């Protein structure tokens, strides 16, 4: 291969420059001072010894090799390409037993893009000052002891794609300003103490892909906020405090998981879902549903899990879902004979506590087919007849 002749001293000069730009890069002094305050508030063991910072020659107090995804220590920097000066872009401290509070001083890290303080013992509230960190892309505070409400200032974070606040003690109403997040894709608020009605402004979150609000104390009906969520793939509303009926979500063609359970309110017919052809998981457990199983369920060729337990669905099962791996229809009002495709399948199916006239199954049930108390007019309180002939093994001496 032909190489142009270049004076040796030129190559030496380039090599020296590269070495200098790598070894001489250091964290901006004002960010070092900010980290000292941040570490103090969080309760970290960051080492600020002579010449040590996370961007040049930081020790194990700043980062450790990741052994488990739930235990991570990593303070990351940018490429230090501007004036040989580095900037903090990520603080990930997952499962580090931190017992401090959330530091307002994070605003002094102007290049920060990610904050992940998952599974610690942090207490206190979310600082309103965080709403000025316009470079933030991800916030995760999952699994702490945080309280208070969500500051409306967080709606200023125009680059935010992920806000995970689940498994804390947050309370109060959701701020209507949350609907102003133009790039949000993940919004996890489950397992808190939020109250009030869901704001209609959430309908503006057209970039949303994952939405979880279960295990809260919301009130009112599930609002019609979903129609514009054309990118949504996952909706979880479990024991949220909300009431039915389930609004129209038939236009959400990207939806893969729909899990809505334990709704308050009166009886309602099965929601319109016929166009959700990409559904893989459908759970409408204890949603006060009445009527028969809709025929359109047969068109869900990707469906793996179906759970319609604890409703008032009835009539004969006239549909066939042989590709579904797990189906739970316990405690409904189904009648007639258990279909052959259910009798012959090796899928996990629960038909217990229904009103079938004939299960079509003689002797003991398969382990993966639960027909306990599934027929009407039969006393299920006695011994199970098919177990009567079993001989217990002799106790070893």
Protein backbone atom coordinates (compact mmCIF):
# COMPACT_ATOMS: atom_id res chain seq x y z
CA UNK A 1 0.00 0.00 0.00
CA UNK A 2 1.34 3.44 -0.94
CA UNK A 3 1.78 5.97 1.85
CA UNK A 4 2.74 9.58 1.19
CA UNK A 5 6.06 10.64 2.61
CA UNK A 6 5.63 12.63 5.75
CA UNK A 7 8.42 14.01 7.91
CA UNK A 8 8.96 11.89 11.01
CA UNK A 9 8.68 14.91 13.30
CA UNK A 10 5.12 15.49 11.99
CA UNK A 11 3.99 12.02 13.10
CA UNK A 12 5.64 12.54 16.47
CA UNK A 13 3.80 15.85 16.85
CA UNK A 14 0.41 14.23 16.10
CA UNK A 15 1.06 11.39 18.55
CA UNK A 16 1.99 13.83 21.29
CA UNK A 17 -1.16 15.86 20.67
CA UNK A 18 -3.35 12.76 20.89
CA UNK A 19 -1.70 11.63 24.10
CA UNK A 20 -2.08 15.09 25.60
CA UNK A 21 -5.76 15.33 24.62
CA UNK A 22 -6.47 11.97 26.28
CA UNK A 23 -4.37 12.13 29.42
CA UNK A 24 -4.72 15.85 30.08
CA UNK A 25 -8.52 16.05 29.87
CA UNK A 26 -10.13 16.84 33.21
CA UNK A 27 -13.57 17.57 34.56
CA UNK A 28 -14.62 21.23 34.60
CA UNK A 29 -13.78 22.73 38.00
CA UNK A 30 -17.31 24.01 38.68
CA UNK A 31 -18.68 20.51 38.04
CA UNK A 32 -16.18 19.04 40.52
CA UNK A 33 -17.51 21.40 43.18
CA UNK A 34 -21.08 20.53 42.22
CA UNK A 35 -20.30 16.81 42.56
CA UNK A 36 -19.03 17.36 46.09
CA UNK A 37 -22.40 18.83 47.09
CA UNK A 38 -24.31 16.18 45.16
CA UNK A 39 -22.34 13.35 46.77
CA UNK A 40 -22.93 14.79 50.21
CA UNK A 41 -26.71 14.99 49.67
CA UNK A 42 -26.99 11.50 48.21
CA UNK A 43 -24.66 9.89 50.74
CA UNK A 44 -22.11 8.51 48.26
CA UNK A 45 -18.51 7.47 48.92
CA UNK A 46 -17.05 9.42 45.99
CA UNK A 47 -13.32 9.99 46.31
CA UNK A 48 -12.24 13.60 45.76
CA UNK A 49 -8.59 12.93 46.52
CA UNK A 50 -5.80 14.83 44.82
CA UNK A 51 -6.12 14.67 41.04
CA UNK A 52 -9.04 12.25 41.10
CA UNK A 53 -12.20 12.87 39.08
CA UNK A 54 -14.56 10.50 37.23
CA UNK A 55 -13.47 11.67 33.77
CA UNK A 56 -9.70 11.20 33.94
CA UNK A 57 -8.44 8.82 36.58
CA UNK A 58 -11.42 8.13 38.79
CA UNK A 59 -11.19 5.11 41.11
CA UNK A 60 -13.77 2.49 42.05
CA UNK A 61 -15.73 4.99 44.13
CA UNK A 62 -16.96 6.48 40.83
CA UNK A 63 -17.63 3.35 38.83
CA UNK A 64 -17.48 -0.40 39.18
CA UNK A 65 -17.87 -3.24 36.67
CA UNK A 66 -21.56 -4.09 36.31
CA UNK A 67 -22.25 -7.59 37.65
CA UNK A 68 -26.03 -7.35 37.94
CA UNK A 69 -28.39 -5.01 36.14
CA UNK A 70 -29.97 -3.95 39.45
CA UNK A 71 -26.66 -2.92 41.05
CA UNK A 72 -24.84 -0.31 39.01
CA UNK A 73 -22.36 2.42 39.89
CA UNK A 74 -21.34 4.62 37.00
CA UNK A 75 -20.62 8.34 36.69
CA UNK A 76 -20.02 8.93 32.99
CA UNK A 77 -18.52 11.81 31.03
CA UNK A 78 -18.65 13.12 27.48
CA UNK A 79 -15.75 12.75 25.02
CA UNK A 80 -13.86 15.75 26.48
CA UNK A 81 -13.40 17.10 22.96
CA UNK A 82 -13.99 20.79 23.68
CA UNK A 83 -10.92 22.58 25.03
CA UNK A 84 -9.74 19.34 26.63
CA UNK A 85 -12.48 19.79 29.25
CA UNK A 86 -14.87 17.03 30.32
CA UNK A 87 -18.48 17.22 31.45
CA UNK A 88 -20.72 14.84 33.40
CA UNK A 89 -23.46 13.36 31.21
CA UNK A 90 -24.74 10.50 33.37
CA UNK A 91 -25.14 9.55 37.03
CA UNK A 92 -26.32 5.95 37.49
CA UNK A 93 -26.32 4.70 41.08
CA UNK A 94 -28.64 1.69 41.20
CA UNK A 95 -28.87 -0.39 44.35
CA UNK A 96 -26.15 1.52 46.23
CA UNK A 97 -27.93 1.77 49.62
CA UNK A 98 -28.01 5.56 49.41
CA UNK A 99 -30.00 7.08 52.26
CA UNK A 100 -29.80 10.80 51.53
CA UNK A 101 -32.05 13.11 49.53
CA UNK A 102 -32.33 14.34 45.95
CA UNK A 103 -29.79 17.15 45.41
CA UNK A 104 -30.92 20.42 43.80
CA UNK A 105 -27.23 20.90 42.91
CA UNK A 106 -27.67 18.62 39.90
CA UNK A 107 -28.63 21.78 38.02
CA UNK A 108 -24.92 22.72 38.16
CA UNK A 109 -24.18 19.88 35.73
CA UNK A 110 -25.38 21.57 32.52
CA UNK A 111 -24.56 18.60 30.26
CA UNK A 112 -26.33 15.97 32.39
CA UNK A 113 -28.57 13.66 30.33
CA UNK A 114 -29.37 10.77 32.68
CA UNK A 115 -30.19 10.40 36.37
CA UNK A 116 -30.82 6.86 37.61
CA UNK A 117 -31.08 6.38 41.38
CA UNK A 118 -33.10 3.17 41.26
CA UNK A 119 -33.56 1.02 44.41
CA UNK A 120 -32.03 3.09 47.16
CA UNK A 121 -33.36 4.57 50.39
CA UNK A 122 -33.60 8.19 49.32
CA UNK A 123 -36.24 10.36 50.96
CA UNK A 124 -37.64 13.85 50.55
CA UNK A 125 -39.13 15.44 47.45
CA UNK A 126 -38.14 16.10 43.84
CA UNK A 127 -36.45 19.53 43.71
CA UNK A 128 -38.29 22.03 41.53
CA UNK A 129 -34.90 23.18 40.27
CA UNK A 130 -34.62 20.00 38.24
CA UNK A 131 -37.06 21.54 35.78
CA UNK A 132 -34.23 23.72 34.43
CA UNK A 133 -31.99 20.78 33.37
CA UNK A 134 -32.99 20.99 29.73
CA UNK A 135 -30.50 18.36 28.52
CA UNK A 136 -32.09 15.61 30.63
CA UNK A 137 -33.27 12.60 28.64
CA UNK A 138 -33.90 10.00 31.38
CA UNK A 139 -34.95 10.16 35.04
CA UNK A 140 -35.42 7.00 37.12
CA UNK A 141 -36.17 7.20 40.85
CA UNK A 142 -37.77 3.75 41.10
CA UNK A 143 -37.91 2.04 44.47
CA UNK A 144 -37.06 4.77 46.98
CA UNK A 145 -38.91 6.51 49.83
CA UNK A 146 -39.65 9.76 48.07
CA UNK A 147 -42.70 11.84 48.93
CA UNK A 148 -44.57 14.94 47.81
CA UNK A 149 -46.07 15.72 44.43
CA UNK A 150 -44.56 15.85 40.96
CA UNK A 151 -43.27 19.40 40.40
CA UNK A 152 -44.97 21.00 37.42
CA UNK A 153 -41.55 22.36 36.46
CA UNK A 154 -40.57 18.92 35.17
CA UNK A 155 -42.80 19.65 32.18
CA UNK A 156 -40.07 22.05 31.00
CA UNK A 157 -37.77 19.11 30.18
CA UNK A 158 -38.36 19.15 26.45
CA UNK A 159 -35.81 16.38 25.75
CA UNK A 160 -37.11 13.96 28.38
CA UNK A 161 -38.00 10.53 26.97
CA UNK A 162 -38.29 8.49 30.18
CA UNK A 163 -39.76 9.42 33.59
CA UNK A 164 -39.85 6.50 36.04
CA UNK A 165 -41.22 7.32 39.51
CA UNK A 166 -42.78 3.97 40.43
CA UNK A 167 -42.62 2.32 43.88
CA UNK A 168 -42.30 5.44 46.03
CA UNK A 169 -44.63 7.44 48.29
CA UNK A 170 -45.48 10.29 45.93
CA UNK A 171 -48.93 11.82 46.39
CA UNK A 172 -51.27 14.53 45.16
CA UNK A 173 -52.79 15.14 41.76
CA UNK A 174 -50.82 14.71 38.56
CA UNK A 175 -49.94 18.16 37.20
CA UNK A 176 -51.73 19.00 33.97
CA UNK A 177 -48.39 20.29 32.68
CA UNK A 178 -47.19 16.69 32.21
CA UNK A 179 -49.06 16.80 28.93
CA UNK A 180 -46.46 19.27 27.65
CA UNK A 181 -43.61 16.75 27.45
CA UNK A 182 -43.06 16.61 23.67
CA UNK A 183 -40.70 13.59 23.51
CA UNK A 184 -41.80 11.40 26.40
CA UNK A 185 -41.87 7.68 25.56
CA UNK A 186 -41.99 6.05 29.00
CA UNK A 187 -44.14 7.27 31.91
CA UNK A 188 -44.18 4.95 34.94
CA UNK A 189 -46.12 6.25 37.96
CA UNK A 190 -47.41 3.02 39.49
CA UNK A 191 -47.25 2.04 43.18
CA UNK A 192 -47.54 5.48 44.73
CA UNK A 193 -50.29 7.44 46.47
CA UNK A 194 -51.43 9.69 43.64
CA UNK A 195 -55.01 10.97 43.86
CA UNK A 196 -57.53 12.91 41.81
CA UNK A 197 -58.57 12.45 38.21
CA UNK A 198 -56.16 11.87 35.34
CA UNK A 199 -55.66 15.18 33.50
CA UNK A 200 -57.07 15.34 29.98
CA UNK A 201 -53.82 16.99 28.89
CA UNK A 202 -52.18 13.55 28.88
CA UNK A 203 -53.88 13.07 25.52
CA UNK A 204 -51.13 15.26 24.04
CA UNK A 205 -48.42 12.68 24.76
CA UNK A 206 -48.39 11.39 21.20
CA UNK A 207 -44.84 10.01 21.47
CA UNK A 208 -45.69 7.75 24.43
CA UNK A 209 -44.81 4.05 24.14
CA UNK A 210 -45.16 2.76 27.73
CA UNK A 211 -47.69 3.96 30.32
CA UNK A 212 -48.14 2.55 33.85
CA UNK A 213 -50.30 4.10 36.57
CA UNK A 214 -51.49 1.14 38.64
CA UNK A 215 -51.59 0.78 42.43
CA UNK A 216 -52.62 4.36 43.19
CA UNK A 217 -55.67 6.18 44.56
CA UNK A 218 -56.97 7.97 41.48
CA UNK A 219 -60.68 8.79 41.20
CA UNK A 220 -63.16 9.16 38.38
CA UNK A 221 -63.51 7.24 35.14
CA UNK A 222 -60.69 6.26 32.82
CA UNK A 223 -60.61 9.33 30.57
CA UNK A 224 -60.60 9.19 26.78
CA UNK A 225 -56.94 10.14 26.47
CA UNK A 226 -55.61 7.23 24.43
CA UNK A 227 -56.88 7.87 20.91
CA UNK A 228 -53.89 9.98 19.85
CA UNK A 229 -51.26 7.63 21.30
CA UNK A 230 -50.47 6.02 17.96
CA UNK A 231 -47.03 4.82 19.15
CA UNK A 232 -48.20 3.26 22.42
CA UNK A 233 -47.09 -0.34 22.97
CA UNK A 234 -47.91 -0.90 26.65
CA UNK A 235 -50.77 0.32 28.88
CA UNK A 236 -50.91 -0.90 32.50
CA UNK A 237 -53.78 0.33 34.70
CA UNK A 238 -53.98 -2.14 37.60
CA UNK A 239 -55.76 -1.30 40.88
CA UNK A 240 -55.46 2.39 40.09
CA UNK A 241 -58.64 3.49 41.85
CA UNK A 242 -60.21 4.46 38.52
CA UNK A 243 -63.65 3.38 37.34
CA UNK A 244 -64.87 1.91 34.07
CA UNK A 245 -66.00 1.64 31.43
CA UNK A 246 -62.85 1.17 29.37
CA UNK A 247 -62.81 3.90 26.70
CA UNK A 248 -62.38 3.37 22.98
CA UNK A 249 -58.81 2.28 22.21
CA UNK A 250 -59.55 0.45 18.98
CA UNK A 251 -57.22 2.66 16.93
CA UNK A 252 -53.97 1.83 18.78
CA UNK A 253 -52.46 -0.50 16.21
CA UNK A 254 -49.02 -0.59 17.88
CA UNK A 255 -50.35 -1.79 21.24
CA UNK A 256 -48.77 -5.06 22.46
CA UNK A 257 -49.77 -5.12 26.14
CA UNK A 258 -53.13 -3.99 27.51
CA UNK A 259 -53.46 -4.71 31.22
CA UNK A 260 -56.44 -3.12 32.99
CA UNK A 261 -57.62 -4.66 36.26
CA UNK A 262 -59.76 -4.05 39.34
CA UNK A 263 -61.89 -1.19 38.04
CA UNK A 264 -64.58 0.42 40.12
CA UNK A 265 -67.96 1.34 38.65
CA UNK A 266 -70.92 -0.44 37.10
CA UNK A 267 -71.19 -3.29 34.62
CA UNK A 268 -70.03 -2.72 31.05
CA UNK A 269 -69.84 -4.67 27.82
CA UNK A 270 -66.55 -5.83 26.33
CA UNK A 271 -64.56 -2.85 24.97
CA UNK A 272 -63.95 -2.41 21.25
CA UNK A 273 -60.50 -3.84 20.53
CA UNK A 274 -60.91 -5.46 17.12
CA UNK A 275 -58.11 -3.49 15.41
CA UNK A 276 -55.42 -4.28 18.00
CA UNK A 277 -53.85 -6.95 15.82
CA UNK A 278 -50.42 -6.73 17.51
CA UNK A 279 -51.68 -7.56 21.01
CA UNK A 280 -49.55 -10.13 22.83
CA UNK A 281 -50.96 -9.72 26.35
CA UNK A 282 -54.60 -8.86 27.09
CA UNK A 283 -55.62 -8.67 30.74
CA UNK A 284 -59.04 -7.26 31.66
CA UNK A 285 -59.31 -8.77 35.12
CA UNK A 286 -62.16 -7.71 37.43
CA UNK A 287 -63.42 -4.98 35.10
CA UNK A 288 -67.17 -5.65 35.60
CA UNK A 289 -67.49 -7.02 32.07
CA UNK A 290 -70.71 -8.71 30.95
CA UNK A 291 -71.78 -10.49 27.77
CA UNK A 292 -70.07 -13.18 25.72
CA UNK A 293 -66.50 -13.55 24.50
CA UNK A 294 -66.19 -11.41 21.35
CA UNK A 295 -65.44 -13.13 18.06
CA UNK A 296 -62.65 -10.66 17.22
CA UNK A 297 -60.37 -12.32 19.80
CA UNK A 298 -59.74 -15.02 17.20
CA UNK A 299 -58.06 -12.46 14.94
CA UNK A 300 -55.33 -11.73 17.51
CA UNK A 301 -52.76 -14.07 16.02
CA UNK A 302 -49.95 -12.75 18.26
CA UNK A 303 -51.88 -13.16 21.51
CA UNK A 304 -49.95 -15.16 24.14
CA UNK A 305 -51.77 -14.35 27.39
CA UNK A 306 -55.49 -13.76 27.94
CA UNK A 307 -56.85 -13.05 31.42
CA UNK A 308 -60.54 -12.18 31.78
CA UNK A 309 -60.96 -13.52 35.31
CA UNK A 310 -63.41 -12.19 37.91
CA UNK A 311 -65.95 -10.70 35.53
CA UNK A 312 -69.54 -11.65 34.66
CA UNK A 313 -68.90 -12.97 31.18
CA UNK A 314 -71.20 -15.82 30.22
CA UNK A 315 -72.74 -17.98 27.56
CA UNK A 316 -70.94 -20.77 25.76
CA UNK A 317 -67.32 -20.41 24.66
CA UNK A 318 -67.80 -20.29 20.90
CA UNK A 319 -64.37 -19.05 19.90
CA UNK A 320 -61.13 -20.97 19.41
CA UNK A 321 -57.76 -19.67 20.62
CA UNK A 322 -55.40 -22.63 20.22
CA UNK A 323 -52.26 -20.47 19.99
CA UNK A 324 -52.77 -18.71 23.32
CA UNK A 325 -50.26 -20.05 25.87
CA UNK A 326 -51.99 -18.87 29.05
CA UNK A 327 -55.74 -18.28 29.40
CA UNK A 328 -57.47 -17.42 32.67
CA UNK A 329 -61.28 -17.25 32.73
CA UNK A 330 -61.82 -18.11 36.38
CA UNK A 331 -64.93 -16.93 38.25
CA UNK A 332 -67.18 -15.97 35.37
CA UNK A 333 -70.55 -17.39 34.28
CA UNK A 334 -69.66 -19.55 31.27
CA UNK A 335 -72.06 -22.37 30.43
CA UNK A 336 -72.35 -25.34 28.09
CA UNK A 337 -69.58 -27.83 27.40
CA UNK A 338 -65.89 -27.03 27.65
CA UNK A 339 -64.75 -26.87 23.99
CA UNK A 340 -62.63 -29.69 22.58
CA UNK A 341 -59.75 -27.38 21.72
CA UNK A 342 -59.44 -26.61 25.44
CA UNK A 343 -59.79 -30.26 26.48
CA UNK A 344 -57.06 -31.33 24.07
CA UNK A 345 -54.60 -28.49 24.40
CA UNK A 346 -51.44 -28.55 26.51
CA UNK A 347 -51.67 -24.83 27.22
CA UNK A 348 -52.16 -23.46 30.73
CA UNK A 349 -55.88 -22.74 31.13
CA UNK A 350 -57.97 -21.89 34.21
CA UNK A 351 -61.76 -22.33 33.94
CA UNK A 352 -62.44 -22.73 37.66
CA UNK A 353 -65.58 -21.32 39.27
CA UNK A 354 -67.89 -21.20 36.26
CA UNK A 355 -71.26 -22.76 35.33
CA UNK A 356 -70.38 -25.34 32.67
CA UNK A 357 -72.79 -28.25 32.35
CA UNK A 358 -70.10 -30.62 31.13
CA UNK A 359 -66.32 -30.36 31.28
CA UNK A 360 -65.82 -33.19 28.83
CA UNK A 361 -62.95 -34.43 31.00
CA UNK A 362 -63.10 -37.71 32.93
CA UNK A 363 -60.88 -38.54 35.87
CA UNK A 364 -58.22 -36.20 37.18
CA UNK A 365 -57.52 -32.99 35.33
CA UNK A 366 -54.21 -32.29 33.69
CA UNK A 367 -51.91 -30.12 35.77
CA UNK A 368 -52.20 -27.31 33.22
CA UNK A 369 -56.03 -27.33 33.04
CA UNK A 370 -57.87 -26.11 36.12
CA UNK A 371 -61.55 -27.13 36.14
CA UNK A 372 -62.13 -26.94 39.89
CA UNK A 373 -65.73 -25.91 40.67
CA UNK A 374 -66.25 -25.21 36.99
CA UNK A 375 -69.65 -26.92 36.65
CA UNK A 376 -73.01 -25.97 38.08
CA UNK A 377 -75.03 -28.19 40.41
CA UNK A 378 -72.05 -30.17 41.72
CA UNK A 379 -70.92 -30.25 45.33
CA UNK A 380 -67.22 -29.43 45.29
CA UNK A 381 -66.77 -29.40 49.04
CA UNK A 382 -66.02 -33.10 49.40
CA UNK A 383 -62.97 -35.12 48.48
CA UNK A 384 -61.96 -35.13 44.85
CA UNK A 385 -63.06 -38.55 43.64
CA UNK A 386 -60.18 -39.13 41.28
CA UNK A 387 -57.73 -38.83 44.15
CA UNK A 388 -59.44 -41.46 46.26
CA UNK A 389 -57.52 -44.36 44.75
CA UNK A 390 -54.12 -42.82 45.20
CA UNK A 391 -51.86 -44.58 47.72
CA UNK A 392 -49.63 -42.39 49.83
CA UNK A 393 -45.98 -43.50 49.91
CA UNK A 394 -44.87 -45.32 53.05
CA UNK A 395 -43.03 -43.03 55.42
CA UNK A 396 -39.35 -43.79 55.47
CA UNK A 397 -37.94 -44.79 58.81
